[in-house]
Amino acid sequence: NCTVKLAGNDAMQYDLKTATVSASCPMITIGLTHTGKMPVTAMGHNAVISQRVLYQAIANDGLKAGAAANYVPKNDARVIAATSLVGGGQSTKTTFPGSRLKAGGDYAFFCSFPGHAALMRGKLVVVK
């Protein structure tokens, strides 16, 4: 599986708690649809991929990066991939090389909008 489709809502929830991708994919696509109605400034969502142990530090540093940077630290080597922020009714996606993930690694997807990472996160399972 080379594509993950996530949906986020106005209750700060993704529709998935676990997603599976293959490290053998030449490119992996992460798609995000905001199924709510609230604007990006009030209830924006993104999807950030990182090692699970790093998600909270990245989310904290994203606060300093601010909305203009989609709450993702610029050129942060800890970030494997990140979508832009979207508001209600909007969609976004990003692609990255499957080689950035290792089968069996401990990865997470999360929203780095302020305060969202505590609830909006899940496990990214990587298979060969």
N, C-alpha and C. Protein backbone atom coordinates (compact mmCIF):
# COMPACT_ATOMS: atom_id res chain seq x y z
N ASN A 1 0.84 -1.19 0.00
CA ASN A 1 0.00 0.00 0.00
C ASN A 1 0.88 1.24 0.00
N CYS A 2 0.72 2.07 -1.00
CA CYS A 2 1.57 3.25 -1.16
C CYS A 2 0.83 4.56 -0.90
N THR A 3 -0.43 4.48 -0.50
CA THR A 3 -1.23 5.67 -0.25
C THR A 3 -1.97 5.54 1.08
N VAL A 4 -1.92 6.60 1.88
CA VAL A 4 -2.71 6.67 3.12
C VAL A 4 -3.69 7.82 2.94
N LYS A 5 -4.97 7.53 3.18
CA LYS A 5 -6.00 8.57 3.11
C LYS A 5 -6.54 8.79 4.51
N LEU A 6 -6.34 10.00 5.00
CA LEU A 6 -6.82 10.39 6.33
C LEU A 6 -7.92 11.43 6.20
N ALA A 7 -8.82 11.43 7.17
CA ALA A 7 -9.83 12.48 7.27
C ALA A 7 -9.79 13.01 8.70
N GLY A 8 -9.83 14.33 8.84
CA GLY A 8 -9.87 14.97 10.14
C GLY A 8 -11.15 15.76 10.27
N ASN A 9 -11.68 15.88 11.50
CA ASN A 9 -12.96 16.56 11.68
C ASN A 9 -12.85 17.71 12.68
N ASP A 10 -13.98 18.35 12.94
CA ASP A 10 -14.01 19.49 13.86
C ASP A 10 -13.89 19.08 15.32
N ALA A 11 -13.90 17.77 15.60
CA ALA A 11 -13.73 17.26 16.97
C ALA A 11 -12.29 16.84 17.24
N MET A 12 -11.37 17.31 16.41
CA MET A 12 -9.93 16.99 16.54
C MET A 12 -9.69 15.49 16.52
N GLN A 13 -10.21 14.82 15.50
CA GLN A 13 -10.02 13.38 15.37
C GLN A 13 -9.71 13.02 13.93
N TYR A 14 -8.76 12.11 13.77
CA TYR A 14 -8.57 11.47 12.47
C TYR A 14 -9.54 10.28 12.41
N ASP A 15 -9.86 9.84 11.21
CA ASP A 15 -10.73 8.67 11.06
C ASP A 15 -9.96 7.36 11.23
N LEU A 16 -8.63 7.42 11.24
CA LEU A 16 -7.80 6.22 11.41
C LEU A 16 -6.91 6.35 12.65
N LYS A 17 -6.71 5.26 13.34
CA LYS A 17 -5.75 5.20 14.45
C LYS A 17 -4.46 4.50 13.99
N THR A 18 -4.58 3.68 12.92
CA THR A 18 -3.44 2.96 12.37
C THR A 18 -3.54 2.99 10.86
N ALA A 19 -2.42 3.20 10.20
CA ALA A 19 -2.34 3.14 8.74
C ALA A 19 -1.12 2.31 8.39
N THR A 20 -1.19 1.59 7.27
CA THR A 20 -0.09 0.72 6.85
C THR A 20 0.40 1.14 5.48
N VAL A 21 1.72 1.21 5.34
CA VAL A 21 2.35 1.49 4.05
C VAL A 21 3.51 0.51 3.86
N SER A 22 3.98 0.43 2.63
CA SER A 22 5.11 -0.45 2.32
C SER A 22 6.37 0.37 2.08
N ALA A 23 7.45 -0.02 2.74
CA ALA A 23 8.73 0.67 2.54
C ALA A 23 9.27 0.44 1.13
N SER A 24 8.72 -0.55 0.43
CA SER A 24 9.18 -0.84 -0.93
C SER A 24 8.54 0.07 -1.98
N CYS A 25 7.58 0.91 -1.58
CA CYS A 25 6.95 1.85 -2.51
C CYS A 25 7.98 2.87 -2.98
N PRO A 26 8.06 3.12 -4.28
CA PRO A 26 8.98 4.17 -4.75
C PRO A 26 8.60 5.53 -4.12
N MET A 27 7.29 5.80 -4.09
CA MET A 27 6.79 7.03 -3.47
C MET A 27 5.56 6.68 -2.65
N ILE A 28 5.42 7.34 -1.50
CA ILE A 28 4.26 7.16 -0.63
C ILE A 28 3.50 8.48 -0.61
N THR A 29 2.18 8.39 -0.73
CA THR A 29 1.33 9.57 -0.70
C THR A 29 0.50 9.58 0.57
N ILE A 30 0.48 10.72 1.25
CA ILE A 30 -0.38 10.93 2.41
C ILE A 30 -1.41 11.97 1.98
N GLY A 31 -2.67 11.57 1.97
CA GLY A 31 -3.76 12.49 1.63
C GLY A 31 -4.55 12.82 2.88
N LEU A 32 -5.00 14.05 3.00
CA LEU A 32 -5.78 14.49 4.15
C LEU A 32 -6.97 15.31 3.68
N THR A 33 -8.15 14.94 4.15
CA THR A 33 -9.37 15.70 3.89
C THR A 33 -9.94 16.16 5.22
N HIS A 34 -10.27 17.44 5.30
CA HIS A 34 -10.89 18.00 6.51
C HIS A 34 -12.40 17.91 6.30
N THR A 35 -13.05 17.02 7.03
CA THR A 35 -14.47 16.79 6.84
C THR A 35 -15.35 17.74 7.65
N GLY A 36 -14.73 18.60 8.44
CA GLY A 36 -15.50 19.54 9.25
C GLY A 36 -15.87 20.79 8.49
N LYS A 37 -16.35 21.79 9.23
CA LYS A 37 -16.78 23.05 8.63
C LYS A 37 -15.98 24.25 9.12
N MET A 38 -15.19 24.07 10.19
CA MET A 38 -14.48 25.20 10.78
C MET A 38 -13.30 25.64 9.90
N PRO A 39 -12.96 26.93 9.92
CA PRO A 39 -11.87 27.45 9.07
C PRO A 39 -10.50 27.00 9.59
N VAL A 40 -9.53 27.09 8.71
CA VAL A 40 -8.16 26.66 9.02
C VAL A 40 -7.59 27.42 10.22
N THR A 41 -7.98 28.68 10.40
CA THR A 41 -7.44 29.48 11.50
C THR A 41 -7.94 29.00 12.86
N ALA A 42 -9.10 28.36 12.89
CA ALA A 42 -9.68 27.89 14.16
C ALA A 42 -9.47 26.41 14.39
N MET A 43 -9.53 25.61 13.32
CA MET A 43 -9.48 24.15 13.46
C MET A 43 -8.72 23.56 12.26
N GLY A 44 -7.54 24.10 12.00
CA GLY A 44 -6.73 23.60 10.89
C GLY A 44 -6.14 22.24 11.21
N HIS A 45 -5.99 21.42 10.19
CA HIS A 45 -5.37 20.11 10.35
C HIS A 45 -4.29 19.90 9.29
N ASN A 46 -3.27 19.14 9.67
CA ASN A 46 -2.27 18.66 8.73
C ASN A 46 -1.95 17.23 9.12
N ALA A 47 -1.06 16.63 8.39
CA ALA A 47 -0.59 15.28 8.72
C ALA A 47 0.93 15.31 8.63
N VAL A 48 1.58 15.03 9.75
CA VAL A 48 3.03 15.02 9.83
C VAL A 48 3.46 13.58 10.13
N ILE A 49 4.50 13.12 9.44
CA ILE A 49 5.04 11.77 9.64
C ILE A 49 6.41 11.89 10.29
N SER A 50 6.61 11.12 11.36
CA SER A 50 7.92 11.11 12.04
C SER A 50 8.05 9.80 12.81
N GLN A 51 9.23 9.60 13.37
CA GLN A 51 9.37 8.51 14.32
C GLN A 51 8.46 8.83 15.49
N ARG A 52 7.83 7.81 16.07
CA ARG A 52 6.84 8.02 17.13
C ARG A 52 7.42 8.77 18.32
N VAL A 53 8.64 8.45 18.71
CA VAL A 53 9.24 9.08 19.90
C VAL A 53 9.50 10.58 19.71
N LEU A 54 9.44 11.05 18.48
CA LEU A 54 9.75 12.45 18.19
C LEU A 54 8.53 13.34 18.00
N TYR A 55 7.33 12.74 17.93
CA TYR A 55 6.17 13.54 17.53
C TYR A 55 5.91 14.73 18.47
N GLN A 56 6.02 14.54 19.77
CA GLN A 56 5.70 15.63 20.70
C GLN A 56 6.71 16.77 20.58
N ALA A 57 7.98 16.45 20.44
CA ALA A 57 9.01 17.48 20.29
C ALA A 57 8.80 18.27 18.99
N ILE A 58 8.42 17.56 17.93
CA ILE A 58 8.16 18.24 16.65
C ILE A 58 6.94 19.14 16.78
N ALA A 59 5.88 18.65 17.42
CA ALA A 59 4.68 19.46 17.61
C ALA A 59 5.00 20.71 18.44
N ASN A 60 5.80 20.55 19.49
CA ASN A 60 6.20 21.70 20.32
C ASN A 60 6.99 22.71 19.50
N ASP A 61 7.93 22.23 18.70
CA ASP A 61 8.73 23.13 17.87
C ASP A 61 7.88 23.76 16.76
N GLY A 62 6.84 23.06 16.34
CA GLY A 62 5.93 23.59 15.33
C GLY A 62 5.19 24.83 15.82
N LEU A 63 4.93 24.90 17.13
CA LEU A 63 4.29 26.10 17.69
C LEU A 63 5.14 27.33 17.42
N LYS A 64 6.45 27.17 17.59
CA LYS A 64 7.37 28.29 17.35
C LYS A 64 7.44 28.64 15.86
N ALA A 65 7.29 27.62 15.00
CA ALA A 65 7.34 27.85 13.55
C ALA A 65 6.14 28.67 13.09
N GLY A 66 4.99 28.48 13.74
CA GLY A 66 3.81 29.29 13.45
C GLY A 66 2.98 28.83 12.27
N ALA A 67 1.85 29.51 12.10
CA ALA A 67 0.88 29.14 11.07
C ALA A 67 1.44 29.27 9.66
N ALA A 68 2.27 30.29 9.43
CA ALA A 68 2.83 30.49 8.09
C ALA A 68 3.65 29.29 7.63
N ALA A 69 4.20 28.54 8.59
CA ALA A 69 5.00 27.34 8.29
C ALA A 69 4.18 26.07 8.50
N ASN A 70 2.84 26.20 8.59
CA ASN A 70 1.95 25.05 8.81
C ASN A 70 2.24 24.35 10.13
N TYR A 71 2.81 25.07 11.09
CA TYR A 71 3.18 24.52 12.40
C TYR A 71 4.13 23.32 12.27
N VAL A 72 5.03 23.42 11.30
CA VAL A 72 6.06 22.39 11.10
C VAL A 72 7.39 23.13 10.99
N PRO A 73 8.37 22.76 11.84
CA PRO A 73 9.67 23.43 11.76
C PRO A 73 10.29 23.28 10.37
N LYS A 74 10.74 24.37 9.81
CA LYS A 74 11.31 24.36 8.45
C LYS A 74 12.61 23.56 8.41
N ASN A 75 12.74 22.74 7.38
CA ASN A 75 13.94 21.93 7.14
C ASN A 75 14.33 21.06 8.34
N ASP A 76 13.34 20.58 9.07
CA ASP A 76 13.58 19.74 10.25
C ASP A 76 13.81 18.30 9.81
N ALA A 77 15.01 17.78 10.05
CA ALA A 77 15.37 16.42 9.63
C ALA A 77 14.53 15.35 10.33
N ARG A 78 13.91 15.70 11.45
CA ARG A 78 13.06 14.73 12.17
C ARG A 78 11.74 14.49 11.45
N VAL A 79 11.34 15.43 10.61
CA VAL A 79 10.07 15.33 9.88
C VAL A 79 10.30 14.55 8.59
N ILE A 80 9.63 13.40 8.49
CA ILE A 80 9.76 12.58 7.28
C ILE A 80 8.92 13.18 6.16
N ALA A 81 7.72 13.64 6.49
CA ALA A 81 6.83 14.27 5.52
C ALA A 81 5.79 15.07 6.27
N ALA A 82 5.20 16.06 5.60
CA ALA A 82 4.14 16.86 6.21
C ALA A 82 3.29 17.48 5.11
N THR A 83 1.97 17.47 5.34
CA THR A 83 1.07 18.17 4.43
C THR A 83 0.94 19.62 4.88
N SER A 84 0.32 20.42 4.05
CA SER A 84 -0.02 21.78 4.46
C SER A 84 -1.26 21.71 5.36
N LEU A 85 -1.57 22.82 6.01
CA LEU A 85 -2.77 22.91 6.85
C LEU A 85 -4.00 23.09 5.96
N VAL A 86 -5.10 22.46 6.35
CA VAL A 86 -6.36 22.66 5.64
C VAL A 86 -7.47 22.93 6.65
N GLY A 87 -8.49 23.66 6.20
CA GLY A 87 -9.68 23.93 7.00
C GLY A 87 -10.84 23.10 6.49
N GLY A 88 -12.00 23.30 7.09
CA GLY A 88 -13.19 22.53 6.74
C GLY A 88 -13.47 22.50 5.25
N GLY A 89 -13.71 21.29 4.73
CA GLY A 89 -14.04 21.11 3.32
C GLY A 89 -12.85 21.07 2.39
N GLN A 90 -11.64 21.25 2.90
CA GLN A 90 -10.45 21.28 2.05
C GLN A 90 -9.69 19.96 2.13
N SER A 91 -8.86 19.73 1.11
CA SER A 91 -8.00 18.54 1.07
C SER A 91 -6.59 18.94 0.68
N THR A 92 -5.62 18.10 1.05
CA THR A 92 -4.23 18.31 0.69
C THR A 92 -3.55 16.96 0.62
N LYS A 93 -2.37 16.93 0.05
CA LYS A 93 -1.58 15.69 0.05
C LYS A 93 -0.12 16.02 -0.12
N THR A 94 0.70 15.04 0.26
CA THR A 94 2.13 15.15 0.08
C THR A 94 2.67 13.78 -0.31
N THR A 95 3.80 13.76 -0.99
CA THR A 95 4.44 12.49 -1.34
C THR A 95 5.89 12.53 -0.88
N PHE A 96 6.41 11.35 -0.58
CA PHE A 96 7.80 11.23 -0.17
C PHE A 96 8.30 9.84 -0.54
N PRO A 97 9.62 9.67 -0.66
CA PRO A 97 10.18 8.37 -1.04
C PRO A 97 9.95 7.31 0.05
N GLY A 98 9.50 6.14 -0.35
CA GLY A 98 9.31 5.04 0.59
C GLY A 98 10.61 4.68 1.30
N SER A 99 11.73 4.98 0.68
CA SER A 99 13.03 4.67 1.27
C SER A 99 13.30 5.47 2.55
N ARG A 100 12.47 6.49 2.84
CA ARG A 100 12.64 7.26 4.09
C ARG A 100 12.11 6.50 5.29
N LEU A 101 11.41 5.37 5.04
CA LEU A 101 10.86 4.55 6.12
C LEU A 101 11.53 3.18 6.11
N LYS A 102 11.63 2.58 7.28
CA LYS A 102 12.20 1.24 7.41
C LYS A 102 11.10 0.30 7.89
N ALA A 103 10.98 -0.85 7.26
CA ALA A 103 9.99 -1.84 7.68
C ALA A 103 10.20 -2.18 9.15
N GLY A 104 9.11 -2.22 9.89
CA GLY A 104 9.18 -2.53 11.32
C GLY A 104 9.50 -1.34 12.20
N GLY A 105 9.77 -0.18 11.60
CA GLY A 105 10.09 1.02 12.39
C GLY A 105 8.88 1.51 13.17
N ASP A 106 9.11 2.37 14.14
CA ASP A 106 8.06 2.88 15.00
C ASP A 106 7.73 4.32 14.59
N TYR A 107 6.72 4.48 13.75
CA TYR A 107 6.39 5.77 13.17
C TYR A 107 5.00 6.23 13.59
N ALA A 108 4.79 7.54 13.52
CA ALA A 108 3.50 8.12 13.86
C ALA A 108 3.08 9.10 12.77
N PHE A 109 1.77 9.30 12.66
CA PHE A 109 1.23 10.44 11.93
C PHE A 109 0.47 11.27 12.95
N PHE A 110 0.56 12.59 12.82
CA PHE A 110 -0.08 13.48 13.80
C PHE A 110 -0.36 14.84 13.19
N CYS A 111 -1.24 15.58 13.85
CA CYS A 111 -1.55 16.95 13.45
C CYS A 111 -0.75 17.89 14.35
N SER A 112 -0.01 18.81 13.76
CA SER A 112 0.83 19.71 14.56
C SER A 112 0.17 21.08 14.83
N PHE A 113 -1.11 21.24 14.45
CA PHE A 113 -1.82 22.46 14.82
C PHE A 113 -1.82 22.55 16.35
N PRO A 114 -1.68 23.75 16.93
CA PRO A 114 -1.56 23.88 18.38
C PRO A 114 -2.63 23.11 19.16
N GLY A 115 -2.17 22.23 20.04
CA GLY A 115 -3.05 21.47 20.90
C GLY A 115 -3.65 20.22 20.30
N HIS A 116 -3.44 19.98 19.02
CA HIS A 116 -4.08 18.84 18.36
C HIS A 116 -3.34 17.51 18.51
N ALA A 117 -2.02 17.53 18.63
CA ALA A 117 -1.24 16.29 18.62
C ALA A 117 -1.61 15.33 19.75
N ALA A 118 -2.13 15.86 20.85
CA ALA A 118 -2.50 14.99 21.97
C ALA A 118 -3.61 14.01 21.57
N LEU A 119 -4.55 14.46 20.74
CA LEU A 119 -5.66 13.63 20.30
C LEU A 119 -5.50 13.12 18.87
N MET A 120 -4.96 13.97 18.00
CA MET A 120 -4.88 13.63 16.58
C MET A 120 -3.54 13.00 16.24
N ARG A 121 -3.44 11.72 16.54
CA ARG A 121 -2.23 10.99 16.18
C ARG A 121 -2.58 9.53 16.01
N GLY A 122 -1.73 8.86 15.26
CA GLY A 122 -1.93 7.44 15.03
C GLY A 122 -0.61 6.78 14.71
N LYS A 123 -0.66 5.47 14.56
CA LYS A 123 0.53 4.68 14.29
C LYS A 123 0.63 4.41 12.80
N LEU A 124 1.81 4.64 12.25
CA LEU A 124 2.10 4.31 10.86
C LEU A 124 2.89 3.01 10.85
N VAL A 125 2.26 1.93 10.39
CA VAL A 125 2.88 0.63 10.33
C VAL A 125 3.58 0.50 8.98
N VAL A 126 4.85 0.14 9.00
CA VAL A 126 5.62 0.04 7.76
C VAL A 126 6.00 -1.42 7.54
N VAL A 127 5.57 -1.96 6.41
CA VAL A 127 5.87 -3.34 6.04
C VAL A 127 6.85 -3.33 4.88
N LYS A 128 7.42 -4.51 4.57
CA LYS A 128 8.40 -4.58 3.46
C LYS A 128 7.74 -4.42 2.12
